[in-house]
Every structure is written in C-alpha cells, then in structure tokens.
Amino acid sequence: MRKIVGKISNKQVVIIGCSRLGATIASKMSSEGLAVTIIDRDENAFRKLSDDFSGYTFMGDAENIQTLIDARVDHADLVIAVTDKDNINLMVSEICSRIFKVDKVLCRIYDSSKEPLCKQYNIDFIDTSRLSVVEFEKAIGGCL
C-alpha cells in the first residue's frame, strides 16, 4: 500500500460511489467546508448522505466519460473512487488522473491482487482487505 503524503488542501472534491463509505467521506468533507460532488448511478444511494451535506449529488454512471465531464471532474483537485467494484474504481481513477489531469486521485480496492495495477498506473489506493487484516491483528495480539 502506498502512503498518501501531504495534507488535504483541495477545494473541489469529486467522490465516485455513494455507498456508506462514499457518503461518510462526502458528508465529512462537506462539513469541513470543502466543495464536494458525489456521483452514483442510483438516486436512492444519496439518502445515505448526512442531513447537513451541502455538496452536489450527480446521478450518472462513472464508467461513462460523459458523466465525468458533466460532473466537472476536470475541475476537481481530488477524486476519490469508492464504488463496490475494483475494476470501476481503477478505470475511473486512471481516467481522472491521465485524461482529466486531476492532481490527487485515490482508489479503494478490495482485492489485494490489484495492487500491482495501482502501482503500475501510479494510482494512490486504499486496500480495505489489508486494512482489515491489520485491525484484526491488533485486536487479537498480532498472531495473523
């Protein structure tokens, strides 16, 4: 897992995927005063956002480049891809980094075998499986 260096000082954030994780990140960043847009293909997903979420919701499929254009990803300082599908997160992260030239792109992966792809394409990532193992090791005294 690559370490993410530097403080978040970005003003425009786009989050792809309004799962519980995406909604929590969006709500927290919004409460800290960042301009947040969250994209999801399911309009019902936005109900997970906090009541005081002050950002924008954008219904669309992030796999479609027109959705990313319409959501103004090209104006983002930070993109966080947290759908429940590794391949979508990787693809969207690469598009945002290489095509839209977003300064900072983060990608969640479940499958640790995808780590080499993240490294190959220079995508910062969070491996939730590895994080879970670390937390379980801490909880049981490090015998995993």
N, C-alpha and C. Protein backbone atom coordinates (compact mmCIF):
# COMPACT_ATOMS: atom_id res chain seq x y z
N MET A 1 0.86 -1.17 0.00
CA MET A 1 0.00 0.00 0.00
C MET A 1 0.90 1.23 0.00
N ARG A 2 0.58 2.19 -0.83
CA ARG A 2 1.37 3.42 -0.91
C ARG A 2 0.88 4.41 0.12
N LYS A 3 1.81 5.09 0.72
CA LYS A 3 1.46 6.10 1.72
C LYS A 3 1.03 7.36 1.00
N ILE A 4 -0.02 7.97 1.49
CA ILE A 4 -0.52 9.21 0.92
C ILE A 4 0.13 10.34 1.69
N VAL A 5 0.87 11.16 0.98
CA VAL A 5 1.65 12.20 1.62
C VAL A 5 0.97 13.55 1.43
N GLY A 6 1.02 14.37 2.42
CA GLY A 6 0.53 15.74 2.30
C GLY A 6 -0.85 15.91 2.90
N LYS A 7 -1.13 17.13 3.23
CA LYS A 7 -2.40 17.48 3.84
C LYS A 7 -3.41 17.79 2.73
N ILE A 8 -4.67 17.46 2.97
CA ILE A 8 -5.71 17.79 2.01
C ILE A 8 -5.96 19.29 2.09
N SER A 9 -5.65 19.99 1.02
CA SER A 9 -5.91 21.42 0.99
C SER A 9 -6.77 21.75 -0.22
N ASN A 10 -7.34 20.72 -0.81
CA ASN A 10 -8.11 20.87 -2.03
C ASN A 10 -9.47 21.50 -1.74
N LYS A 11 -9.94 22.23 -2.71
CA LYS A 11 -11.24 22.88 -2.56
C LYS A 11 -12.35 22.12 -3.30
N GLN A 12 -12.04 21.51 -4.42
CA GLN A 12 -13.03 20.80 -5.23
C GLN A 12 -12.78 19.30 -5.14
N VAL A 13 -13.75 18.57 -4.61
CA VAL A 13 -13.61 17.13 -4.42
C VAL A 13 -14.74 16.43 -5.16
N VAL A 14 -14.41 15.36 -5.89
CA VAL A 14 -15.42 14.52 -6.52
C VAL A 14 -15.26 13.12 -5.94
N ILE A 15 -16.36 12.58 -5.45
CA ILE A 15 -16.37 11.22 -4.90
C ILE A 15 -17.25 10.37 -5.81
N ILE A 16 -16.71 9.24 -6.20
CA ILE A 16 -17.43 8.35 -7.10
C ILE A 16 -17.88 7.13 -6.31
N GLY A 17 -19.19 7.03 -6.13
CA GLY A 17 -19.78 5.94 -5.37
C GLY A 17 -20.34 6.45 -4.06
N CYS A 18 -21.65 6.37 -3.92
CA CYS A 18 -22.32 6.85 -2.70
C CYS A 18 -22.74 5.66 -1.84
N SER A 19 -21.79 4.77 -1.61
CA SER A 19 -22.01 3.68 -0.65
C SER A 19 -21.95 4.30 0.74
N ARG A 20 -22.00 3.46 1.77
CA ARG A 20 -21.85 4.01 3.12
C ARG A 20 -20.52 4.74 3.25
N LEU A 21 -19.46 4.15 2.70
CA LEU A 21 -18.15 4.79 2.78
C LEU A 21 -18.13 6.10 2.01
N GLY A 22 -18.59 6.08 0.77
CA GLY A 22 -18.61 7.29 -0.04
C GLY A 22 -19.43 8.39 0.60
N ALA A 23 -20.60 8.03 1.11
CA ALA A 23 -21.47 9.01 1.76
C ALA A 23 -20.83 9.58 3.01
N THR A 24 -20.15 8.74 3.78
CA THR A 24 -19.49 9.21 5.00
C THR A 24 -18.35 10.16 4.68
N ILE A 25 -17.54 9.81 3.69
CA ILE A 25 -16.44 10.68 3.29
C ILE A 25 -16.99 12.01 2.77
N ALA A 26 -18.00 11.94 1.90
CA ALA A 26 -18.59 13.16 1.33
C ALA A 26 -19.18 14.05 2.42
N SER A 27 -19.90 13.46 3.35
CA SER A 27 -20.52 14.22 4.42
C SER A 27 -19.47 14.89 5.30
N LYS A 28 -18.41 14.15 5.63
CA LYS A 28 -17.35 14.69 6.48
C LYS A 28 -16.63 15.83 5.77
N MET A 29 -16.27 15.64 4.52
CA MET A 29 -15.57 16.69 3.77
C MET A 29 -16.45 17.92 3.60
N SER A 30 -17.73 17.69 3.34
CA SER A 30 -18.68 18.80 3.21
C SER A 30 -18.76 19.60 4.51
N SER A 31 -18.79 18.88 5.64
CA SER A 31 -18.88 19.57 6.94
C SER A 31 -17.60 20.35 7.25
N GLU A 32 -16.51 19.98 6.61
CA GLU A 32 -15.25 20.70 6.79
C GLU A 32 -15.10 21.86 5.81
N GLY A 33 -16.13 22.10 5.02
CA GLY A 33 -16.14 23.26 4.15
C GLY A 33 -15.62 23.04 2.74
N LEU A 34 -15.33 21.80 2.38
CA LEU A 34 -14.87 21.53 1.02
C LEU A 34 -16.06 21.45 0.08
N ALA A 35 -15.85 21.84 -1.16
CA ALA A 35 -16.89 21.74 -2.19
C ALA A 35 -16.87 20.31 -2.72
N VAL A 36 -17.93 19.57 -2.44
CA VAL A 36 -17.98 18.14 -2.76
C VAL A 36 -19.08 17.85 -3.76
N THR A 37 -18.73 17.05 -4.76
CA THR A 37 -19.72 16.47 -5.68
C THR A 37 -19.60 14.96 -5.53
N ILE A 38 -20.73 14.29 -5.37
CA ILE A 38 -20.71 12.84 -5.27
C ILE A 38 -21.55 12.26 -6.41
N ILE A 39 -20.97 11.26 -7.08
CA ILE A 39 -21.60 10.64 -8.24
C ILE A 39 -22.03 9.22 -7.89
N ASP A 40 -23.25 8.87 -8.28
CA ASP A 40 -23.71 7.48 -8.15
C ASP A 40 -24.76 7.25 -9.23
N ARG A 41 -24.87 6.02 -9.68
CA ARG A 41 -25.87 5.71 -10.72
C ARG A 41 -27.25 5.47 -10.13
N ASP A 42 -27.32 5.29 -8.81
CA ASP A 42 -28.59 5.01 -8.12
C ASP A 42 -28.99 6.22 -7.29
N GLU A 43 -30.06 6.87 -7.68
CA GLU A 43 -30.52 8.06 -6.98
C GLU A 43 -30.82 7.79 -5.51
N ASN A 44 -31.27 6.58 -5.18
CA ASN A 44 -31.57 6.23 -3.78
C ASN A 44 -30.33 6.20 -2.90
N ALA A 45 -29.16 6.04 -3.51
CA ALA A 45 -27.92 5.99 -2.73
C ALA A 45 -27.66 7.30 -1.98
N PHE A 46 -28.13 8.40 -2.52
CA PHE A 46 -27.86 9.71 -1.92
C PHE A 46 -28.54 9.89 -0.56
N ARG A 47 -29.49 9.02 -0.24
CA ARG A 47 -30.16 9.10 1.07
C ARG A 47 -29.18 8.81 2.20
N LYS A 48 -28.05 8.21 1.90
CA LYS A 48 -27.05 7.89 2.91
C LYS A 48 -26.25 9.12 3.35
N LEU A 49 -26.34 10.19 2.59
CA LEU A 49 -25.62 11.42 2.95
C LEU A 49 -26.22 12.02 4.20
N SER A 50 -25.40 12.72 4.98
CA SER A 50 -25.89 13.36 6.20
C SER A 50 -26.89 14.45 5.84
N ASP A 51 -27.74 14.78 6.78
CA ASP A 51 -28.75 15.81 6.56
C ASP A 51 -28.13 17.18 6.28
N ASP A 52 -26.92 17.41 6.79
CA ASP A 52 -26.28 18.71 6.59
C ASP A 52 -25.30 18.72 5.41
N PHE A 53 -25.33 17.67 4.57
CA PHE A 53 -24.48 17.64 3.38
C PHE A 53 -24.82 18.84 2.50
N SER A 54 -23.80 19.63 2.19
CA SER A 54 -24.05 20.86 1.42
C SER A 54 -23.46 20.81 0.01
N GLY A 55 -23.03 19.62 -0.41
CA GLY A 55 -22.43 19.49 -1.73
C GLY A 55 -23.46 19.17 -2.79
N TYR A 56 -22.96 18.68 -3.91
CA TYR A 56 -23.81 18.35 -5.05
C TYR A 56 -23.89 16.84 -5.22
N THR A 57 -25.06 16.38 -5.60
CA THR A 57 -25.23 14.98 -5.97
C THR A 57 -25.40 14.93 -7.49
N PHE A 58 -24.78 13.93 -8.10
CA PHE A 58 -24.84 13.81 -9.55
C PHE A 58 -25.16 12.37 -9.89
N MET A 59 -26.34 12.15 -10.44
CA MET A 59 -26.73 10.81 -10.81
C MET A 59 -26.19 10.48 -12.20
N GLY A 60 -25.42 9.42 -12.29
CA GLY A 60 -24.86 9.01 -13.55
C GLY A 60 -23.91 7.85 -13.35
N ASP A 61 -23.51 7.25 -14.45
CA ASP A 61 -22.61 6.10 -14.45
C ASP A 61 -21.19 6.60 -14.68
N ALA A 62 -20.34 6.48 -13.67
CA ALA A 62 -18.97 6.98 -13.77
C ALA A 62 -18.14 6.24 -14.80
N GLU A 63 -18.62 5.09 -15.28
CA GLU A 63 -17.92 4.38 -16.34
C GLU A 63 -18.08 5.11 -17.68
N ASN A 64 -19.05 5.99 -17.76
CA ASN A 64 -19.31 6.78 -18.96
C ASN A 64 -18.55 8.09 -18.85
N ILE A 65 -17.64 8.32 -19.76
CA ILE A 65 -16.79 9.51 -19.69
C ILE A 65 -17.62 10.80 -19.74
N GLN A 66 -18.78 10.76 -20.39
CA GLN A 66 -19.63 11.95 -20.45
C GLN A 66 -20.15 12.31 -19.05
N THR A 67 -20.41 11.29 -18.24
CA THR A 67 -20.82 11.56 -16.85
C THR A 67 -19.73 12.31 -16.11
N LEU A 68 -18.48 11.89 -16.30
CA LEU A 68 -17.36 12.56 -15.64
C LEU A 68 -17.21 13.99 -16.13
N ILE A 69 -17.42 14.20 -17.42
CA ILE A 69 -17.36 15.55 -17.98
C ILE A 69 -18.47 16.41 -17.40
N ASP A 70 -19.70 15.88 -17.40
CA ASP A 70 -20.85 16.63 -16.90
C ASP A 70 -20.72 16.94 -15.40
N ALA A 71 -20.07 16.06 -14.65
CA ALA A 71 -19.88 16.28 -13.22
C ALA A 71 -18.66 17.18 -12.95
N ARG A 72 -18.02 17.63 -14.00
CA ARG A 72 -16.91 18.58 -13.92
C ARG A 72 -15.69 18.02 -13.18
N VAL A 73 -15.40 16.77 -13.44
CA VAL A 73 -14.23 16.14 -12.84
C VAL A 73 -12.96 16.90 -13.22
N ASP A 74 -12.95 17.50 -14.39
CA ASP A 74 -11.77 18.23 -14.84
C ASP A 74 -11.46 19.45 -13.97
N HIS A 75 -12.39 19.87 -13.12
CA HIS A 75 -12.17 20.98 -12.20
C HIS A 75 -11.82 20.51 -10.78
N ALA A 76 -11.76 19.20 -10.58
CA ALA A 76 -11.51 18.65 -9.25
C ALA A 76 -10.03 18.73 -8.89
N ASP A 77 -9.79 18.98 -7.61
CA ASP A 77 -8.45 18.89 -7.06
C ASP A 77 -8.18 17.50 -6.51
N LEU A 78 -9.27 16.81 -6.17
CA LEU A 78 -9.18 15.48 -5.58
C LEU A 78 -10.36 14.65 -6.06
N VAL A 79 -10.08 13.42 -6.49
CA VAL A 79 -11.13 12.45 -6.83
C VAL A 79 -10.90 11.22 -5.98
N ILE A 80 -11.99 10.72 -5.40
CA ILE A 80 -11.94 9.50 -4.59
C ILE A 80 -12.92 8.51 -5.19
N ALA A 81 -12.41 7.37 -5.67
CA ALA A 81 -13.25 6.34 -6.28
C ALA A 81 -13.49 5.23 -5.27
N VAL A 82 -14.75 5.12 -4.81
CA VAL A 82 -15.08 4.14 -3.78
C VAL A 82 -16.35 3.36 -4.12
N THR A 83 -16.50 2.95 -5.38
CA THR A 83 -17.62 2.08 -5.72
C THR A 83 -17.33 0.71 -5.12
N ASP A 84 -18.26 -0.21 -5.26
CA ASP A 84 -18.02 -1.55 -4.72
C ASP A 84 -17.35 -2.48 -5.74
N LYS A 85 -16.83 -1.91 -6.81
CA LYS A 85 -16.19 -2.71 -7.85
C LYS A 85 -14.78 -2.18 -8.11
N ASP A 86 -13.79 -3.03 -7.85
CA ASP A 86 -12.39 -2.64 -8.03
C ASP A 86 -12.09 -2.16 -9.44
N ASN A 87 -12.58 -2.89 -10.46
CA ASN A 87 -12.25 -2.53 -11.83
C ASN A 87 -12.79 -1.16 -12.21
N ILE A 88 -13.98 -0.83 -11.73
CA ILE A 88 -14.53 0.50 -11.99
C ILE A 88 -13.67 1.56 -11.29
N ASN A 89 -13.33 1.31 -10.03
CA ASN A 89 -12.51 2.26 -9.30
C ASN A 89 -11.16 2.49 -9.99
N LEU A 90 -10.55 1.42 -10.45
CA LEU A 90 -9.26 1.54 -11.14
C LEU A 90 -9.39 2.29 -12.46
N MET A 91 -10.39 1.93 -13.24
CA MET A 91 -10.58 2.57 -14.54
C MET A 91 -10.86 4.06 -14.38
N VAL A 92 -11.79 4.40 -13.50
CA VAL A 92 -12.16 5.79 -13.29
C VAL A 92 -10.97 6.58 -12.73
N SER A 93 -10.21 5.96 -11.84
CA SER A 93 -9.04 6.63 -11.28
C SER A 93 -8.02 6.95 -12.36
N GLU A 94 -7.78 5.98 -13.22
CA GLU A 94 -6.82 6.22 -14.30
C GLU A 94 -7.31 7.32 -15.25
N ILE A 95 -8.59 7.29 -15.60
CA ILE A 95 -9.16 8.32 -16.47
C ILE A 95 -9.02 9.70 -15.84
N CYS A 96 -9.35 9.80 -14.56
CA CYS A 96 -9.28 11.09 -13.88
C CYS A 96 -7.84 11.59 -13.80
N SER A 97 -6.92 10.69 -13.57
CA SER A 97 -5.51 11.06 -13.46
C SER A 97 -4.90 11.41 -14.81
N ARG A 98 -5.08 10.53 -15.78
CA ARG A 98 -4.39 10.71 -17.06
C ARG A 98 -5.11 11.64 -18.04
N ILE A 99 -6.41 11.52 -18.13
CA ILE A 99 -7.15 12.30 -19.12
C ILE A 99 -7.53 13.66 -18.56
N PHE A 100 -8.09 13.66 -17.34
CA PHE A 100 -8.56 14.92 -16.75
C PHE A 100 -7.49 15.64 -15.94
N LYS A 101 -6.33 15.00 -15.76
CA LYS A 101 -5.18 15.61 -15.07
C LYS A 101 -5.51 16.08 -13.65
N VAL A 102 -6.33 15.30 -12.94
CA VAL A 102 -6.65 15.63 -11.55
C VAL A 102 -5.38 15.42 -10.72
N ASP A 103 -5.07 16.38 -9.87
CA ASP A 103 -3.83 16.34 -9.09
C ASP A 103 -3.73 15.13 -8.18
N LYS A 104 -4.81 14.81 -7.48
CA LYS A 104 -4.78 13.73 -6.50
C LYS A 104 -5.98 12.82 -6.74
N VAL A 105 -5.72 11.54 -6.97
CA VAL A 105 -6.76 10.55 -7.20
C VAL A 105 -6.52 9.39 -6.24
N LEU A 106 -7.56 9.03 -5.50
CA LEU A 106 -7.49 7.91 -4.57
C LEU A 106 -8.48 6.84 -5.01
N CYS A 107 -8.09 5.60 -4.82
CA CYS A 107 -8.90 4.48 -5.28
C CYS A 107 -8.99 3.43 -4.18
N ARG A 108 -10.20 2.97 -3.90
CA ARG A 108 -10.37 1.87 -2.95
C ARG A 108 -10.35 0.56 -3.73
N ILE A 109 -9.59 -0.41 -3.20
CA ILE A 109 -9.63 -1.75 -3.77
C ILE A 109 -9.94 -2.75 -2.65
N TYR A 110 -10.63 -3.81 -3.03
CA TYR A 110 -10.91 -4.92 -2.12
C TYR A 110 -9.91 -6.05 -2.33
N ASP A 111 -9.51 -6.24 -3.58
CA ASP A 111 -8.69 -7.38 -3.97
C ASP A 111 -7.22 -6.96 -4.01
N SER A 112 -6.44 -7.48 -3.08
CA SER A 112 -5.02 -7.12 -2.97
C SER A 112 -4.24 -7.45 -4.23
N SER A 113 -4.73 -8.39 -5.04
CA SER A 113 -4.01 -8.73 -6.27
C SER A 113 -4.05 -7.58 -7.29
N LYS A 114 -4.90 -6.59 -7.05
CA LYS A 114 -4.98 -5.42 -7.96
C LYS A 114 -3.93 -4.36 -7.61
N GLU A 115 -3.23 -4.55 -6.51
CA GLU A 115 -2.22 -3.58 -6.07
C GLU A 115 -1.17 -3.28 -7.14
N PRO A 116 -0.64 -4.31 -7.84
CA PRO A 116 0.35 -4.01 -8.88
C PRO A 116 -0.19 -3.09 -9.98
N LEU A 117 -1.47 -3.22 -10.32
CA LEU A 117 -2.06 -2.32 -11.32
C LEU A 117 -2.05 -0.88 -10.81
N CYS A 118 -2.42 -0.70 -9.55
CA CYS A 118 -2.40 0.63 -8.97
C CYS A 118 -1.00 1.23 -9.05
N LYS A 119 -0.02 0.43 -8.69
CA LYS A 119 1.37 0.91 -8.73
C LYS A 119 1.81 1.19 -10.16
N GLN A 120 1.44 0.30 -11.08
CA GLN A 120 1.83 0.47 -12.48
C GLN A 120 1.29 1.79 -13.05
N TYR A 121 0.06 2.12 -12.70
CA TYR A 121 -0.57 3.34 -13.21
C TYR A 121 -0.43 4.53 -12.26
N ASN A 122 0.41 4.34 -11.22
CA ASN A 122 0.69 5.41 -10.28
C ASN A 122 -0.58 5.97 -9.64
N ILE A 123 -1.46 5.06 -9.22
CA ILE A 123 -2.71 5.44 -8.58
C ILE A 123 -2.58 5.20 -7.08
N ASP A 124 -2.85 6.21 -6.28
CA ASP A 124 -2.87 6.04 -4.84
C ASP A 124 -4.09 5.20 -4.48
N PHE A 125 -3.93 4.27 -3.55
CA PHE A 125 -5.03 3.36 -3.25
C PHE A 125 -5.09 3.03 -1.77
N ILE A 126 -6.27 2.58 -1.37
CA ILE A 126 -6.51 2.04 -0.05
C ILE A 126 -6.99 0.61 -0.26
N ASP A 127 -6.26 -0.34 0.29
CA ASP A 127 -6.62 -1.75 0.19
C ASP A 127 -7.40 -2.12 1.45
N THR A 128 -8.72 -2.19 1.34
CA THR A 128 -9.55 -2.42 2.52
C THR A 128 -9.35 -3.81 3.11
N SER A 129 -9.01 -4.79 2.31
CA SER A 129 -8.73 -6.13 2.84
C SER A 129 -7.50 -6.09 3.74
N ARG A 130 -6.46 -5.45 3.27
CA ARG A 130 -5.22 -5.35 4.05
C ARG A 130 -5.47 -4.55 5.33
N LEU A 131 -6.23 -3.47 5.24
CA LEU A 131 -6.54 -2.68 6.44
C LEU A 131 -7.30 -3.52 7.46
N SER A 132 -8.22 -4.34 6.99
CA SER A 132 -8.99 -5.20 7.89
C SER A 132 -8.09 -6.20 8.59
N VAL A 133 -7.17 -6.80 7.86
CA VAL A 133 -6.24 -7.76 8.45
C VAL A 133 -5.41 -7.08 9.55
N VAL A 134 -4.92 -5.89 9.27
CA VAL A 134 -4.13 -5.14 10.26
C VAL A 134 -4.94 -4.90 11.52
N GLU A 135 -6.19 -4.49 11.37
CA GLU A 135 -7.04 -4.22 12.54
C GLU A 135 -7.35 -5.50 13.32
N PHE A 136 -7.59 -6.60 12.61
CA PHE A 136 -7.81 -7.88 13.30
C PHE A 136 -6.55 -8.32 14.04
N GLU A 137 -5.39 -8.12 13.42
CA GLU A 137 -4.13 -8.46 14.10
C GLU A 137 -3.99 -7.66 15.38
N LYS A 138 -4.31 -6.39 15.35
CA LYS A 138 -4.22 -5.55 16.54
C LYS A 138 -5.18 -6.07 17.61
N ALA A 139 -6.39 -6.43 17.18
CA ALA A 139 -7.40 -6.87 18.14
C ALA A 139 -7.06 -8.18 18.82
N ILE A 140 -6.36 -9.07 18.11
CA ILE A 140 -6.05 -10.39 18.69
C ILE A 140 -4.60 -10.53 19.10
N GLY A 141 -3.86 -9.45 19.08
CA GLY A 141 -2.49 -9.50 19.57
C GLY A 141 -1.45 -9.87 18.55
N GLY A 142 -1.75 -9.70 17.27
CA GLY A 142 -0.72 -9.87 16.23
C GLY A 142 -0.37 -11.26 15.83
N CYS A 143 -1.27 -12.22 15.93
CA CYS A 143 -0.90 -13.60 15.57
C CYS A 143 -1.40 -14.02 14.19
N LEU A 144 -1.78 -13.08 13.34
CA LEU A 144 -2.20 -13.47 11.97
C LEU A 144 -1.00 -13.49 11.05
